[in-house]
Amino acid sequence: GMGGMMGMVPNKDQQAMSDEEKEEALGLVRGMHMNKALCYLKLEQWEKCILAVNKALDFGGDEGKCKYRRGMCHVKLGDSTAARQDLERAKELNPADAAIAKMLKEVDKLDKKQEGKAKATFQKMFG
């Protein structure tokens, strides 16, 4: 009968998660998205990595690490503007990190390559 259904309604005391429990749950979700981002990075699934990083950031993931990973993905996808934005921010947060500086050099290379391509196209059209 209805008796069983009543048991489904949580008591007031059981309903509220303590702040510690909330923080722990958030930490787990955050960690999961950070790990997913890292896996996608290793698998060279750049778009999926960006989505996972965005989720990690939503849950308060380490901004320096997140922006570095996302910046790297943007480099691989050839988006130097987005890459530079993320990597400059990562560098602000972790100025001593050599990996970030190295990735910013990749962005410079990417810019040069794209400028070269644009010039070539321009010369074909108007040369």
N, C-alpha and C. Protein backbone atom coordinates (compact mmCIF):
# COMPACT_ATOMS: atom_id res chain seq x y z
N GLY A 1 0.82 -1.21 0.00
CA GLY A 1 0.00 0.00 0.00
C GLY A 1 0.85 1.25 0.00
N MET A 2 0.31 2.30 0.63
CA MET A 2 0.98 3.60 0.63
C MET A 2 2.11 3.68 1.66
N GLY A 3 2.10 2.74 2.60
CA GLY A 3 3.10 2.78 3.67
C GLY A 3 4.53 2.86 3.13
N GLY A 4 4.82 2.03 2.12
CA GLY A 4 6.16 2.01 1.54
C GLY A 4 6.53 3.33 0.91
N MET A 5 5.59 3.99 0.28
CA MET A 5 5.85 5.25 -0.39
C MET A 5 6.30 6.33 0.59
N MET A 6 5.71 6.30 1.78
CA MET A 6 6.05 7.33 2.77
C MET A 6 7.55 7.29 3.11
N GLY A 7 8.09 6.09 3.10
CA GLY A 7 9.51 5.94 3.41
C GLY A 7 10.42 6.62 2.39
N MET A 8 9.88 6.90 1.21
CA MET A 8 10.68 7.51 0.14
C MET A 8 10.96 8.99 0.42
N VAL A 9 10.13 9.61 1.22
CA VAL A 9 10.30 11.04 1.49
C VAL A 9 11.41 11.23 2.51
N PRO A 10 12.49 11.94 2.13
CA PRO A 10 13.61 12.07 3.07
C PRO A 10 13.23 12.94 4.25
N ASN A 11 13.80 12.62 5.42
CA ASN A 11 13.61 13.46 6.60
C ASN A 11 14.37 14.75 6.40
N LYS A 12 13.93 15.79 7.06
CA LYS A 12 14.60 17.09 6.96
C LYS A 12 16.10 16.97 7.27
N ASP A 13 16.45 16.22 8.33
CA ASP A 13 17.88 16.15 8.71
C ASP A 13 18.72 15.42 7.67
N GLN A 14 18.11 14.47 6.98
CA GLN A 14 18.90 13.72 5.99
C GLN A 14 19.08 14.51 4.71
N GLN A 15 18.19 15.47 4.48
CA GLN A 15 18.15 16.14 3.19
C GLN A 15 19.38 17.01 2.94
N ALA A 16 19.74 17.79 3.94
CA ALA A 16 20.81 18.75 3.75
C ALA A 16 22.17 18.06 3.84
N MET A 17 22.99 18.28 2.83
CA MET A 17 24.37 17.79 2.90
C MET A 17 25.16 18.80 3.71
N SER A 18 26.07 18.33 4.49
CA SER A 18 26.92 19.28 5.22
C SER A 18 27.85 19.97 4.22
N ASP A 19 28.41 21.09 4.62
CA ASP A 19 29.33 21.83 3.73
C ASP A 19 30.53 20.96 3.37
N GLU A 20 30.99 20.18 4.34
CA GLU A 20 32.14 19.30 4.06
C GLU A 20 31.79 18.28 2.99
N GLU A 21 30.59 17.71 3.11
CA GLU A 21 30.16 16.71 2.13
C GLU A 21 30.02 17.34 0.74
N LYS A 22 29.47 18.55 0.72
CA LYS A 22 29.33 19.26 -0.56
C LYS A 22 30.69 19.50 -1.19
N GLU A 23 31.63 19.96 -0.36
CA GLU A 23 32.98 20.26 -0.84
C GLU A 23 33.64 18.99 -1.38
N GLU A 24 33.42 17.90 -0.65
CA GLU A 24 34.01 16.62 -1.06
C GLU A 24 33.43 16.17 -2.41
N ALA A 25 32.11 16.29 -2.54
CA ALA A 25 31.44 15.90 -3.78
C ALA A 25 31.94 16.76 -4.94
N LEU A 26 32.04 18.06 -4.69
CA LEU A 26 32.55 18.98 -5.71
C LEU A 26 33.97 18.61 -6.12
N GLY A 27 34.76 18.28 -5.11
CA GLY A 27 36.15 17.89 -5.37
C GLY A 27 36.24 16.66 -6.26
N LEU A 28 35.36 15.70 -6.01
CA LEU A 28 35.35 14.47 -6.81
C LEU A 28 34.96 14.77 -8.26
N VAL A 29 33.92 15.58 -8.42
CA VAL A 29 33.47 15.93 -9.78
C VAL A 29 34.55 16.71 -10.51
N ARG A 30 35.15 17.65 -9.77
CA ARG A 30 36.23 18.47 -10.33
C ARG A 30 37.38 17.58 -10.78
N GLY A 31 37.78 16.66 -9.88
CA GLY A 31 38.87 15.74 -10.19
C GLY A 31 38.56 14.87 -11.40
N MET A 32 37.32 14.43 -11.48
CA MET A 32 36.91 13.60 -12.62
C MET A 32 37.08 14.36 -13.94
N HIS A 33 36.63 15.62 -13.96
CA HIS A 33 36.74 16.41 -15.19
C HIS A 33 38.20 16.73 -15.52
N MET A 34 39.01 16.99 -14.49
CA MET A 34 40.44 17.23 -14.71
C MET A 34 41.10 15.99 -15.32
N ASN A 35 40.73 14.82 -14.77
CA ASN A 35 41.30 13.56 -15.28
C ASN A 35 40.84 13.28 -16.70
N LYS A 36 39.56 13.55 -16.96
CA LYS A 36 39.03 13.37 -18.31
C LYS A 36 39.79 14.25 -19.29
N ALA A 37 40.01 15.50 -18.89
CA ALA A 37 40.73 16.44 -19.75
C ALA A 37 42.12 15.91 -20.08
N LEU A 38 42.79 15.38 -19.05
CA LEU A 38 44.14 14.85 -19.25
C LEU A 38 44.12 13.64 -20.19
N CYS A 39 43.13 12.77 -20.03
CA CYS A 39 43.01 11.59 -20.90
C CYS A 39 42.79 12.02 -22.35
N TYR A 40 41.87 12.95 -22.55
CA TYR A 40 41.59 13.42 -23.91
C TYR A 40 42.82 14.08 -24.51
N LEU A 41 43.58 14.77 -23.68
CA LEU A 41 44.81 15.41 -24.15
C LEU A 41 45.77 14.35 -24.68
N LYS A 42 45.92 13.27 -23.89
CA LYS A 42 46.84 12.19 -24.28
C LYS A 42 46.34 11.47 -25.53
N LEU A 43 45.02 11.41 -25.68
CA LEU A 43 44.43 10.75 -26.86
C LEU A 43 44.34 11.70 -28.06
N GLU A 44 44.78 12.94 -27.84
CA GLU A 44 44.72 13.98 -28.88
C GLU A 44 43.30 14.26 -29.36
N GLN A 45 42.36 14.15 -28.42
CA GLN A 45 40.97 14.51 -28.70
C GLN A 45 40.78 15.95 -28.23
N TRP A 46 41.26 16.89 -29.05
CA TRP A 46 41.37 18.28 -28.60
C TRP A 46 40.02 18.89 -28.21
N GLU A 47 39.00 18.70 -29.06
CA GLU A 47 37.69 19.31 -28.77
C GLU A 47 37.11 18.77 -27.47
N LYS A 48 37.22 17.44 -27.29
CA LYS A 48 36.69 16.82 -26.07
C LYS A 48 37.45 17.30 -24.85
N CYS A 49 38.75 17.49 -25.01
CA CYS A 49 39.56 17.98 -23.91
C CYS A 49 39.09 19.38 -23.50
N ILE A 50 38.83 20.24 -24.47
CA ILE A 50 38.35 21.60 -24.18
C ILE A 50 37.05 21.56 -23.39
N LEU A 51 36.12 20.69 -23.80
CA LEU A 51 34.85 20.56 -23.08
C LEU A 51 35.06 20.11 -21.64
N ALA A 52 35.94 19.13 -21.45
CA ALA A 52 36.23 18.63 -20.10
C ALA A 52 36.88 19.71 -19.24
N VAL A 53 37.78 20.49 -19.85
CA VAL A 53 38.43 21.58 -19.13
C VAL A 53 37.40 22.63 -18.70
N ASN A 54 36.49 22.96 -19.61
CA ASN A 54 35.45 23.94 -19.29
C ASN A 54 34.62 23.48 -18.09
N LYS A 55 34.29 22.18 -18.09
CA LYS A 55 33.54 21.59 -16.97
C LYS A 55 34.36 21.68 -15.67
N ALA A 56 35.63 21.34 -15.76
CA ALA A 56 36.50 21.40 -14.59
C ALA A 56 36.54 22.82 -14.03
N LEU A 57 36.64 23.80 -14.93
CA LEU A 57 36.66 25.20 -14.50
C LEU A 57 35.34 25.58 -13.83
N ASP A 58 34.23 25.10 -14.39
CA ASP A 58 32.91 25.35 -13.78
C ASP A 58 32.87 24.87 -12.34
N PHE A 59 33.55 23.76 -12.07
CA PHE A 59 33.54 23.18 -10.73
C PHE A 59 34.73 23.65 -9.89
N GLY A 60 35.37 24.72 -10.34
CA GLY A 60 36.45 25.31 -9.55
C GLY A 60 37.79 24.63 -9.69
N GLY A 61 38.03 24.02 -10.86
CA GLY A 61 39.31 23.37 -11.10
C GLY A 61 40.46 24.36 -11.12
N ASP A 62 41.67 23.88 -10.93
CA ASP A 62 42.89 24.70 -10.92
C ASP A 62 42.98 25.49 -12.22
N GLU A 63 42.84 26.83 -12.12
CA GLU A 63 42.74 27.64 -13.33
C GLU A 63 44.02 27.60 -14.17
N GLY A 64 45.17 27.63 -13.48
CA GLY A 64 46.44 27.60 -14.21
C GLY A 64 46.58 26.35 -15.06
N LYS A 65 46.30 25.22 -14.42
CA LYS A 65 46.40 23.92 -15.11
C LYS A 65 45.38 23.84 -16.25
N CYS A 66 44.16 24.27 -15.94
CA CYS A 66 43.08 24.21 -16.93
C CYS A 66 43.38 25.07 -18.15
N LYS A 67 43.83 26.30 -17.89
CA LYS A 67 44.08 27.21 -19.00
C LYS A 67 45.26 26.73 -19.85
N TYR A 68 46.24 26.11 -19.19
CA TYR A 68 47.37 25.55 -19.93
C TYR A 68 46.89 24.44 -20.86
N ARG A 69 46.10 23.52 -20.31
CA ARG A 69 45.62 22.39 -21.11
C ARG A 69 44.74 22.86 -22.26
N ARG A 70 43.85 23.81 -21.94
CA ARG A 70 42.94 24.30 -22.98
C ARG A 70 43.72 25.08 -24.04
N GLY A 71 44.70 25.85 -23.58
CA GLY A 71 45.55 26.59 -24.52
C GLY A 71 46.26 25.66 -25.48
N MET A 72 46.77 24.55 -24.93
CA MET A 72 47.46 23.56 -25.77
C MET A 72 46.51 23.01 -26.83
N CYS A 73 45.29 22.73 -26.45
CA CYS A 73 44.29 22.22 -27.40
C CYS A 73 44.04 23.24 -28.51
N HIS A 74 43.93 24.51 -28.12
CA HIS A 74 43.69 25.55 -29.12
C HIS A 74 44.87 25.63 -30.10
N VAL A 75 46.09 25.44 -29.58
CA VAL A 75 47.27 25.42 -30.46
C VAL A 75 47.12 24.29 -31.47
N LYS A 76 46.78 23.09 -30.97
CA LYS A 76 46.66 21.93 -31.84
C LYS A 76 45.55 22.11 -32.87
N LEU A 77 44.51 22.86 -32.49
CA LEU A 77 43.39 23.10 -33.41
C LEU A 77 43.66 24.31 -34.31
N GLY A 78 44.81 24.96 -34.10
CA GLY A 78 45.19 26.07 -34.97
C GLY A 78 44.52 27.40 -34.63
N ASP A 79 43.98 27.51 -33.42
CA ASP A 79 43.34 28.76 -33.01
C ASP A 79 44.29 29.56 -32.12
N SER A 80 45.12 30.38 -32.75
CA SER A 80 46.18 31.06 -31.99
C SER A 80 45.62 32.13 -31.05
N THR A 81 44.52 32.77 -31.43
CA THR A 81 43.94 33.83 -30.58
C THR A 81 43.47 33.25 -29.25
N ALA A 82 42.66 32.19 -29.31
CA ALA A 82 42.16 31.55 -28.10
C ALA A 82 43.32 30.95 -27.30
N ALA A 83 44.29 30.36 -28.02
CA ALA A 83 45.44 29.75 -27.36
C ALA A 83 46.21 30.79 -26.56
N ARG A 84 46.49 31.93 -27.20
CA ARG A 84 47.27 32.97 -26.54
C ARG A 84 46.55 33.47 -25.28
N GLN A 85 45.24 33.65 -25.39
CA GLN A 85 44.44 34.13 -24.25
C GLN A 85 44.59 33.20 -23.05
N ASP A 86 44.40 31.91 -23.31
CA ASP A 86 44.48 30.91 -22.22
C ASP A 86 45.89 30.82 -21.66
N LEU A 87 46.88 30.80 -22.54
CA LEU A 87 48.25 30.59 -22.09
C LEU A 87 48.81 31.80 -21.36
N GLU A 88 48.42 33.01 -21.80
CA GLU A 88 48.86 34.22 -21.09
C GLU A 88 48.32 34.20 -19.65
N ARG A 89 47.06 33.76 -19.52
CA ARG A 89 46.45 33.67 -18.19
C ARG A 89 47.16 32.60 -17.34
N ALA A 90 47.45 31.46 -17.95
CA ALA A 90 48.17 30.39 -17.25
C ALA A 90 49.53 30.90 -16.77
N LYS A 91 50.18 31.69 -17.61
CA LYS A 91 51.51 32.22 -17.28
C LYS A 91 51.42 33.20 -16.11
N GLU A 92 50.36 34.03 -16.09
CA GLU A 92 50.14 34.94 -14.96
C GLU A 92 50.06 34.15 -13.66
N LEU A 93 49.35 33.02 -13.72
CA LEU A 93 49.12 32.21 -12.52
C LEU A 93 50.34 31.39 -12.15
N ASN A 94 51.11 30.95 -13.15
CA ASN A 94 52.31 30.12 -12.91
C ASN A 94 53.49 30.68 -13.71
N PRO A 95 54.03 31.83 -13.27
CA PRO A 95 55.07 32.49 -14.07
C PRO A 95 56.33 31.67 -14.26
N ALA A 96 56.60 30.74 -13.36
CA ALA A 96 57.86 29.98 -13.44
C ALA A 96 57.73 28.71 -14.30
N ASP A 97 56.54 28.43 -14.78
CA ASP A 97 56.30 27.18 -15.51
C ASP A 97 56.86 27.25 -16.94
N ALA A 98 57.91 26.46 -17.18
CA ALA A 98 58.58 26.48 -18.48
C ALA A 98 57.71 25.91 -19.59
N ALA A 99 56.82 24.97 -19.24
CA ALA A 99 55.95 24.35 -20.25
C ALA A 99 55.03 25.40 -20.89
N ILE A 100 54.58 26.35 -20.07
CA ILE A 100 53.69 27.38 -20.58
C ILE A 100 54.43 28.29 -21.56
N ALA A 101 55.64 28.68 -21.17
CA ALA A 101 56.47 29.52 -22.04
C ALA A 101 56.74 28.83 -23.37
N LYS A 102 56.99 27.54 -23.29
CA LYS A 102 57.27 26.75 -24.49
C LYS A 102 56.03 26.73 -25.40
N MET A 103 54.86 26.55 -24.79
CA MET A 103 53.61 26.50 -25.56
C MET A 103 53.31 27.86 -26.19
N LEU A 104 53.66 28.95 -25.50
CA LEU A 104 53.48 30.29 -26.06
C LEU A 104 54.36 30.49 -27.29
N LYS A 105 55.55 29.88 -27.28
CA LYS A 105 56.41 29.92 -28.48
C LYS A 105 55.74 29.22 -29.65
N GLU A 106 55.03 28.13 -29.35
CA GLU A 106 54.28 27.42 -30.39
C GLU A 106 53.21 28.33 -30.99
N VAL A 107 52.59 29.14 -30.13
CA VAL A 107 51.56 30.07 -30.61
C VAL A 107 52.19 31.09 -31.56
N ASP A 108 53.39 31.58 -31.21
CA ASP A 108 54.10 32.51 -32.09
C ASP A 108 54.36 31.88 -33.45
N LYS A 109 54.81 30.63 -33.42
CA LYS A 109 55.07 29.90 -34.68
C LYS A 109 53.80 29.79 -35.51
N LEU A 110 52.70 29.47 -34.81
CA LEU A 110 51.41 29.32 -35.46
C LEU A 110 51.00 30.62 -36.13
N ASP A 111 51.18 31.73 -35.42
CA ASP A 111 50.86 33.05 -35.98
C ASP A 111 51.67 33.31 -37.25
N LYS A 112 52.95 33.02 -37.18
CA LYS A 112 53.83 33.26 -38.34
C LYS A 112 53.38 32.42 -39.53
N LYS A 113 53.04 31.16 -39.24
CA LYS A 113 52.60 30.26 -40.30
C LYS A 113 51.33 30.79 -40.95
N GLN A 114 50.41 31.25 -40.10
CA GLN A 114 49.13 31.75 -40.61
C GLN A 114 49.33 33.05 -41.38
N GLU A 115 50.24 33.90 -40.92
CA GLU A 115 50.55 35.13 -41.65
C GLU A 115 51.11 34.79 -43.02
N GLY A 116 52.00 33.78 -43.04
CA GLY A 116 52.60 33.35 -44.30
C GLY A 116 51.53 32.87 -45.27
N LYS A 117 50.60 32.07 -44.76
CA LYS A 117 49.51 31.56 -45.59
C LYS A 117 48.65 32.70 -46.12
N ALA A 118 48.32 33.64 -45.24
CA ALA A 118 47.48 34.77 -45.64
C ALA A 118 48.18 35.59 -46.72
N LYS A 119 49.48 35.79 -46.56
CA LYS A 119 50.26 36.53 -47.56
C LYS A 119 50.22 35.84 -48.91
N ALA A 120 50.43 34.52 -48.88
CA ALA A 120 50.45 33.74 -50.11
C ALA A 120 49.09 33.85 -50.81
N THR A 121 48.02 33.71 -50.03
CA THR A 121 46.67 33.81 -50.58
C THR A 121 46.46 35.19 -51.18
N PHE A 122 46.89 36.19 -50.44
CA PHE A 122 46.74 37.58 -50.87
C PHE A 122 47.48 37.81 -52.20
N GLN A 123 48.70 37.26 -52.27
CA GLN A 123 49.50 37.44 -53.49
C GLN A 123 48.86 36.73 -54.69
N LYS A 124 48.27 35.57 -54.43
CA LYS A 124 47.58 34.85 -55.51
C LYS A 124 46.42 35.68 -56.03
N MET A 125 45.68 36.28 -55.09
CA MET A 125 44.48 37.03 -55.48
C MET A 125 44.84 38.34 -56.16
N PHE A 126 45.87 39.03 -55.64
CA PHE A 126 46.14 40.39 -56.11
C PHE A 126 47.51 40.56 -56.74
N GLY A 127 48.31 39.47 -56.73
CA GLY A 127 49.72 39.60 -57.13
C GLY A 127 49.87 39.87 -58.63
